[in-house]
Amino acid sequence: MVLTSAWPALLHYLKAIVRAAAHVRRGVRAILKFVFRLALMSLQDFLSHLSEILDMPAADVQPGAKLADLEGWNSMAMVSFIAFTDEFFGKTVPVRAIASCQTIADLAALSGIDA
C-alpha cells in the first residue's frame, strides 16, 4: 500500500520533468536557429539588408562607407537596424552602441558579422 500512496507524487514529478524538457527543447531550438542564421549571414547578405533599410542601391552600401555621409542614415534607419538585428540575430542593440558606429563595418561588427 505504500506504493499506491506514492503514485500521485510520482506523477506530479514526472509531469514537471516533461514540462521542463519541453522548455529545454524550445531553448535549444532557439539557440540552433540563432547559430544557423548567423552562420548563413555573409557580409554581402548583411550589406544587402542594410541597403534595403537605407533605401539605397546595394552598390553604394560598402563596409568602409561613413554613416554620416549616407543620405538614408537617420533615426528611422536606426530603428529599422535595431529591428533587423533583433529579427535575424536575436540581439537587442542599444541605440548608444549604434550611435557610436562610424562606418557600415562598425554596424556589421555590432551585429556579429566580420567585415
N, C-alpha and C. Protein backbone atom coordinates (compact mmCIF):
# COMPACT_ATOMS: atom_id res chain seq x y z
N MET A 1 0.80 -1.20 0.00
CA MET A 1 0.00 0.00 0.00
C MET A 1 0.85 1.27 0.00
N VAL A 2 2.09 1.16 0.38
CA VAL A 2 2.97 2.33 0.38
C VAL A 2 3.17 2.83 -1.04
N LEU A 3 3.28 1.91 -1.99
CA LEU A 3 3.47 2.27 -3.39
C LEU A 3 2.30 3.06 -3.94
N THR A 4 1.09 2.67 -3.64
CA THR A 4 -0.07 3.37 -4.19
C THR A 4 -0.18 4.79 -3.66
N SER A 5 0.28 5.04 -2.46
CA SER A 5 0.22 6.40 -1.94
C SER A 5 1.31 7.28 -2.55
N ALA A 6 2.34 6.69 -3.13
CA ALA A 6 3.43 7.45 -3.74
C ALA A 6 3.13 7.82 -5.19
N TRP A 7 2.15 7.16 -5.80
CA TRP A 7 1.85 7.41 -7.22
C TRP A 7 1.49 8.87 -7.53
N PRO A 8 0.64 9.52 -6.77
CA PRO A 8 0.32 10.91 -7.10
C PRO A 8 1.56 11.82 -7.10
N ALA A 9 2.42 11.63 -6.13
CA ALA A 9 3.65 12.44 -6.07
C ALA A 9 4.55 12.12 -7.25
N LEU A 10 4.67 10.84 -7.58
CA LEU A 10 5.49 10.42 -8.71
C LEU A 10 4.96 11.00 -10.01
N LEU A 11 3.65 10.95 -10.20
CA LEU A 11 3.06 11.52 -11.41
C LEU A 11 3.28 13.03 -11.47
N HIS A 12 3.18 13.70 -10.33
CA HIS A 12 3.43 15.13 -10.27
C HIS A 12 4.86 15.44 -10.74
N TYR A 13 5.84 14.71 -10.24
CA TYR A 13 7.23 14.94 -10.62
C TYR A 13 7.48 14.59 -12.08
N LEU A 14 6.86 13.54 -12.58
CA LEU A 14 7.01 13.18 -13.99
C LEU A 14 6.45 14.27 -14.90
N LYS A 15 5.31 14.83 -14.54
CA LYS A 15 4.73 15.94 -15.33
C LYS A 15 5.67 17.15 -15.31
N ALA A 16 6.26 17.42 -14.15
CA ALA A 16 7.19 18.55 -14.04
C ALA A 16 8.42 18.31 -14.92
N ILE A 17 8.91 17.09 -14.97
CA ILE A 17 10.06 16.75 -15.82
C ILE A 17 9.71 16.92 -17.28
N VAL A 18 8.53 16.49 -17.68
CA VAL A 18 8.10 16.63 -19.07
C VAL A 18 7.98 18.10 -19.45
N ARG A 19 7.43 18.92 -18.55
CA ARG A 19 7.32 20.36 -18.83
C ARG A 19 8.71 20.99 -18.94
N ALA A 20 9.61 20.62 -18.05
CA ALA A 20 10.97 21.16 -18.10
C ALA A 20 11.67 20.75 -19.39
N ALA A 21 11.47 19.51 -19.81
CA ALA A 21 12.08 19.04 -21.06
C ALA A 21 11.56 19.84 -22.25
N ALA A 22 10.28 20.19 -22.23
CA ALA A 22 9.71 20.99 -23.32
C ALA A 22 10.35 22.37 -23.36
N HIS A 23 10.58 22.96 -22.19
CA HIS A 23 11.24 24.28 -22.13
C HIS A 23 12.68 24.19 -22.66
N VAL A 24 13.38 23.16 -22.26
CA VAL A 24 14.75 22.96 -22.72
C VAL A 24 14.77 22.78 -24.24
N ARG A 25 13.85 22.00 -24.75
CA ARG A 25 13.78 21.74 -26.20
C ARG A 25 13.53 23.05 -26.96
N ARG A 26 12.63 23.90 -26.45
CA ARG A 26 12.38 25.19 -27.08
C ARG A 26 13.61 26.08 -27.03
N GLY A 27 14.32 26.06 -25.90
CA GLY A 27 15.54 26.85 -25.76
C GLY A 27 16.63 26.39 -26.72
N VAL A 28 16.79 25.09 -26.84
CA VAL A 28 17.79 24.54 -27.76
C VAL A 28 17.42 24.91 -29.19
N ARG A 29 16.15 24.83 -29.53
CA ARG A 29 15.70 25.22 -30.88
C ARG A 29 16.03 26.68 -31.16
N ALA A 30 15.78 27.55 -30.19
CA ALA A 30 16.07 28.98 -30.37
C ALA A 30 17.56 29.21 -30.56
N ILE A 31 18.39 28.52 -29.80
CA ILE A 31 19.84 28.66 -29.94
C ILE A 31 20.30 28.17 -31.30
N LEU A 32 19.80 27.02 -31.72
CA LEU A 32 20.19 26.49 -33.03
C LEU A 32 19.74 27.40 -34.16
N LYS A 33 18.56 27.97 -34.03
CA LYS A 33 18.06 28.90 -35.04
C LYS A 33 18.98 30.12 -35.14
N PHE A 34 19.39 30.65 -33.99
CA PHE A 34 20.28 31.80 -33.96
C PHE A 34 21.63 31.46 -34.60
N VAL A 35 22.22 30.34 -34.22
CA VAL A 35 23.53 29.94 -34.76
C VAL A 35 23.42 29.69 -36.26
N PHE A 36 22.35 29.06 -36.69
CA PHE A 36 22.15 28.78 -38.10
C PHE A 36 22.05 30.07 -38.90
N ARG A 37 21.27 31.04 -38.42
CA ARG A 37 21.14 32.32 -39.12
C ARG A 37 22.45 33.07 -39.17
N LEU A 38 23.18 33.07 -38.05
CA LEU A 38 24.45 33.78 -38.01
C LEU A 38 25.45 33.14 -38.96
N ALA A 39 25.46 31.81 -39.02
CA ALA A 39 26.39 31.12 -39.90
C ALA A 39 26.06 31.38 -41.36
N LEU A 40 24.78 31.56 -41.68
CA LEU A 40 24.38 31.77 -43.07
C LEU A 40 24.50 33.22 -43.52
N MET A 41 24.55 34.16 -42.60
CA MET A 41 24.58 35.57 -42.95
C MET A 41 26.01 35.96 -43.33
N SER A 42 26.20 36.26 -44.60
CA SER A 42 27.51 36.72 -45.06
C SER A 42 27.53 38.25 -45.02
N LEU A 43 28.69 38.81 -45.24
CA LEU A 43 28.81 40.26 -45.28
C LEU A 43 27.95 40.81 -46.42
N GLN A 44 27.94 40.13 -47.56
CA GLN A 44 27.14 40.58 -48.70
C GLN A 44 25.65 40.57 -48.36
N ASP A 45 25.20 39.54 -47.65
CA ASP A 45 23.80 39.48 -47.23
C ASP A 45 23.48 40.64 -46.29
N PHE A 46 24.40 40.90 -45.37
CA PHE A 46 24.22 41.99 -44.42
C PHE A 46 24.12 43.32 -45.17
N LEU A 47 25.03 43.54 -46.12
CA LEU A 47 25.02 44.79 -46.89
C LEU A 47 23.74 44.92 -47.71
N SER A 48 23.26 43.81 -48.23
CA SER A 48 22.01 43.82 -49.00
C SER A 48 20.83 44.24 -48.12
N HIS A 49 20.75 43.67 -46.92
CA HIS A 49 19.68 44.05 -45.99
C HIS A 49 19.82 45.52 -45.58
N LEU A 50 21.05 45.95 -45.36
CA LEU A 50 21.26 47.34 -44.97
C LEU A 50 20.89 48.30 -46.10
N SER A 51 21.15 47.89 -47.33
CA SER A 51 20.77 48.76 -48.46
C SER A 51 19.25 48.92 -48.53
N GLU A 52 18.51 47.88 -48.17
CA GLU A 52 17.05 47.99 -48.12
C GLU A 52 16.62 48.94 -47.00
N ILE A 53 17.28 48.83 -45.85
CA ILE A 53 16.96 49.71 -44.73
C ILE A 53 17.21 51.16 -45.11
N LEU A 54 18.34 51.40 -45.79
CA LEU A 54 18.73 52.76 -46.16
C LEU A 54 18.03 53.25 -47.42
N ASP A 55 17.35 52.34 -48.10
CA ASP A 55 16.69 52.67 -49.37
C ASP A 55 17.71 53.25 -50.36
N MET A 56 18.81 52.52 -50.48
CA MET A 56 19.90 52.93 -51.36
C MET A 56 20.29 51.75 -52.24
N PRO A 57 20.90 52.02 -53.39
CA PRO A 57 21.41 50.91 -54.21
C PRO A 57 22.48 50.13 -53.45
N ALA A 58 22.48 48.83 -53.63
CA ALA A 58 23.42 47.96 -52.91
C ALA A 58 24.87 48.33 -53.23
N ALA A 59 25.13 48.82 -54.43
CA ALA A 59 26.50 49.20 -54.81
C ALA A 59 27.03 50.35 -53.98
N ASP A 60 26.15 51.18 -53.44
CA ASP A 60 26.58 52.33 -52.64
C ASP A 60 26.79 51.98 -51.17
N VAL A 61 26.39 50.79 -50.78
CA VAL A 61 26.50 50.38 -49.37
C VAL A 61 27.71 49.47 -49.25
N GLN A 62 28.81 50.05 -48.84
CA GLN A 62 30.08 49.33 -48.71
C GLN A 62 30.59 49.44 -47.27
N PRO A 63 31.37 48.45 -46.82
CA PRO A 63 31.81 48.43 -45.42
C PRO A 63 32.53 49.71 -44.98
N GLY A 64 33.30 50.32 -45.86
CA GLY A 64 34.07 51.50 -45.47
C GLY A 64 33.29 52.80 -45.50
N ALA A 65 32.05 52.75 -45.97
CA ALA A 65 31.26 53.98 -46.08
C ALA A 65 30.97 54.56 -44.70
N LYS A 66 31.15 55.87 -44.58
CA LYS A 66 30.86 56.55 -43.32
C LYS A 66 29.35 56.78 -43.20
N LEU A 67 28.81 56.43 -42.06
CA LEU A 67 27.37 56.56 -41.83
C LEU A 67 26.91 58.01 -41.96
N ALA A 68 27.73 58.94 -41.50
CA ALA A 68 27.36 60.36 -41.56
C ALA A 68 27.21 60.85 -43.00
N ASP A 69 27.87 60.18 -43.94
CA ASP A 69 27.81 60.58 -45.35
C ASP A 69 26.64 59.94 -46.10
N LEU A 70 25.98 58.98 -45.48
CA LEU A 70 24.88 58.27 -46.15
C LEU A 70 23.58 59.03 -45.99
N GLU A 71 22.96 59.32 -47.10
CA GLU A 71 21.72 60.10 -47.09
C GLU A 71 20.60 59.39 -46.33
N GLY A 72 20.56 58.07 -46.43
CA GLY A 72 19.47 57.32 -45.80
C GLY A 72 19.68 57.01 -44.33
N TRP A 73 20.85 57.34 -43.77
CA TRP A 73 21.12 57.01 -42.37
C TRP A 73 20.52 58.09 -41.47
N ASN A 74 19.42 57.75 -40.83
CA ASN A 74 18.71 58.67 -39.95
C ASN A 74 18.08 57.88 -38.80
N SER A 75 17.25 58.51 -38.01
CA SER A 75 16.67 57.83 -36.85
C SER A 75 15.78 56.66 -37.25
N MET A 76 15.07 56.80 -38.36
CA MET A 76 14.22 55.68 -38.83
C MET A 76 15.09 54.50 -39.26
N ALA A 77 16.22 54.79 -39.89
CA ALA A 77 17.14 53.72 -40.29
C ALA A 77 17.69 53.02 -39.05
N MET A 78 17.96 53.79 -37.99
CA MET A 78 18.45 53.19 -36.74
C MET A 78 17.41 52.24 -36.16
N VAL A 79 16.16 52.67 -36.14
CA VAL A 79 15.09 51.82 -35.61
C VAL A 79 14.95 50.56 -36.46
N SER A 80 15.03 50.72 -37.77
CA SER A 80 14.95 49.57 -38.67
C SER A 80 16.14 48.64 -38.46
N PHE A 81 17.31 49.20 -38.22
CA PHE A 81 18.50 48.39 -37.95
C PHE A 81 18.33 47.60 -36.66
N ILE A 82 17.77 48.24 -35.64
CA ILE A 82 17.52 47.54 -34.37
C ILE A 82 16.57 46.37 -34.59
N ALA A 83 15.51 46.60 -35.36
CA ALA A 83 14.55 45.52 -35.66
C ALA A 83 15.22 44.41 -36.46
N PHE A 84 16.07 44.79 -37.41
CA PHE A 84 16.79 43.81 -38.23
C PHE A 84 17.69 42.93 -37.37
N THR A 85 18.49 43.54 -36.47
CA THR A 85 19.39 42.74 -35.64
C THR A 85 18.61 41.86 -34.66
N ASP A 86 17.47 42.36 -34.21
CA ASP A 86 16.64 41.55 -33.31
C ASP A 86 16.06 40.35 -34.05
N GLU A 87 15.55 40.58 -35.26
CA GLU A 87 14.92 39.51 -36.03
C GLU A 87 15.93 38.46 -36.49
N PHE A 88 17.05 38.91 -37.05
CA PHE A 88 17.99 37.97 -37.65
C PHE A 88 19.01 37.40 -36.68
N PHE A 89 19.39 38.16 -35.67
CA PHE A 89 20.45 37.71 -34.78
C PHE A 89 19.99 37.49 -33.35
N GLY A 90 18.74 37.86 -33.07
CA GLY A 90 18.23 37.69 -31.71
C GLY A 90 18.93 38.61 -30.71
N LYS A 91 19.46 39.72 -31.21
CA LYS A 91 20.17 40.68 -30.35
C LYS A 91 19.37 41.96 -30.23
N THR A 92 19.38 42.52 -29.05
CA THR A 92 18.84 43.86 -28.87
C THR A 92 20.04 44.80 -28.79
N VAL A 93 20.19 45.60 -29.83
CA VAL A 93 21.34 46.50 -29.91
C VAL A 93 20.94 47.85 -29.32
N PRO A 94 21.68 48.32 -28.32
CA PRO A 94 21.36 49.62 -27.73
C PRO A 94 21.60 50.77 -28.71
N VAL A 95 20.78 51.78 -28.64
CA VAL A 95 20.90 52.94 -29.53
C VAL A 95 22.26 53.59 -29.35
N ARG A 96 22.76 53.64 -28.13
CA ARG A 96 24.09 54.25 -27.88
C ARG A 96 25.18 53.51 -28.64
N ALA A 97 25.07 52.19 -28.71
CA ALA A 97 26.08 51.41 -29.43
C ALA A 97 26.01 51.73 -30.93
N ILE A 98 24.80 51.88 -31.46
CA ILE A 98 24.64 52.23 -32.87
C ILE A 98 25.16 53.64 -33.11
N ALA A 99 24.85 54.55 -32.21
CA ALA A 99 25.28 55.94 -32.37
C ALA A 99 26.80 56.07 -32.35
N SER A 100 27.48 55.15 -31.70
CA SER A 100 28.94 55.20 -31.64
C SER A 100 29.59 54.63 -32.91
N CYS A 101 28.82 53.98 -33.76
CA CYS A 101 29.36 53.43 -35.00
C CYS A 101 29.65 54.55 -35.99
N GLN A 102 30.79 54.46 -36.65
CA GLN A 102 31.19 55.46 -37.62
C GLN A 102 30.98 54.98 -39.06
N THR A 103 31.15 53.68 -39.28
CA THR A 103 31.07 53.12 -40.64
C THR A 103 30.10 51.95 -40.68
N ILE A 104 29.82 51.51 -41.89
CA ILE A 104 28.98 50.32 -42.07
C ILE A 104 29.69 49.10 -41.49
N ALA A 105 31.01 49.05 -41.59
CA ALA A 105 31.76 47.94 -41.00
C ALA A 105 31.55 47.88 -39.49
N ASP A 106 31.43 49.04 -38.86
CA ASP A 106 31.14 49.08 -37.41
C ASP A 106 29.77 48.47 -37.11
N LEU A 107 28.78 48.77 -37.96
CA LEU A 107 27.45 48.19 -37.78
C LEU A 107 27.49 46.68 -37.96
N ALA A 108 28.26 46.23 -38.95
CA ALA A 108 28.39 44.79 -39.19
C ALA A 108 29.02 44.12 -37.98
N ALA A 109 30.08 44.71 -37.44
CA ALA A 109 30.74 44.15 -36.25
C ALA A 109 29.79 44.12 -35.06
N LEU A 110 28.96 45.14 -34.93
CA LEU A 110 27.98 45.19 -33.85
C LEU A 110 26.98 44.04 -33.97
N SER A 111 26.71 43.64 -35.20
CA SER A 111 25.78 42.53 -35.45
C SER A 111 26.45 41.16 -35.35
N GLY A 112 27.77 41.15 -35.30
CA GLY A 112 28.49 39.88 -35.22
C GLY A 112 28.99 39.40 -36.57
N ILE A 113 28.98 40.27 -37.57
CA ILE A 113 29.45 39.94 -38.92
C ILE A 113 30.85 40.51 -39.08
N ASP A 114 31.77 39.68 -39.57
CA ASP A 114 33.12 40.17 -39.84
C ASP A 114 33.15 40.94 -41.15
N ALA A 115 33.63 42.17 -41.09
CA ALA A 115 33.67 43.00 -42.31
C ALA A 115 35.07 43.06 -42.86
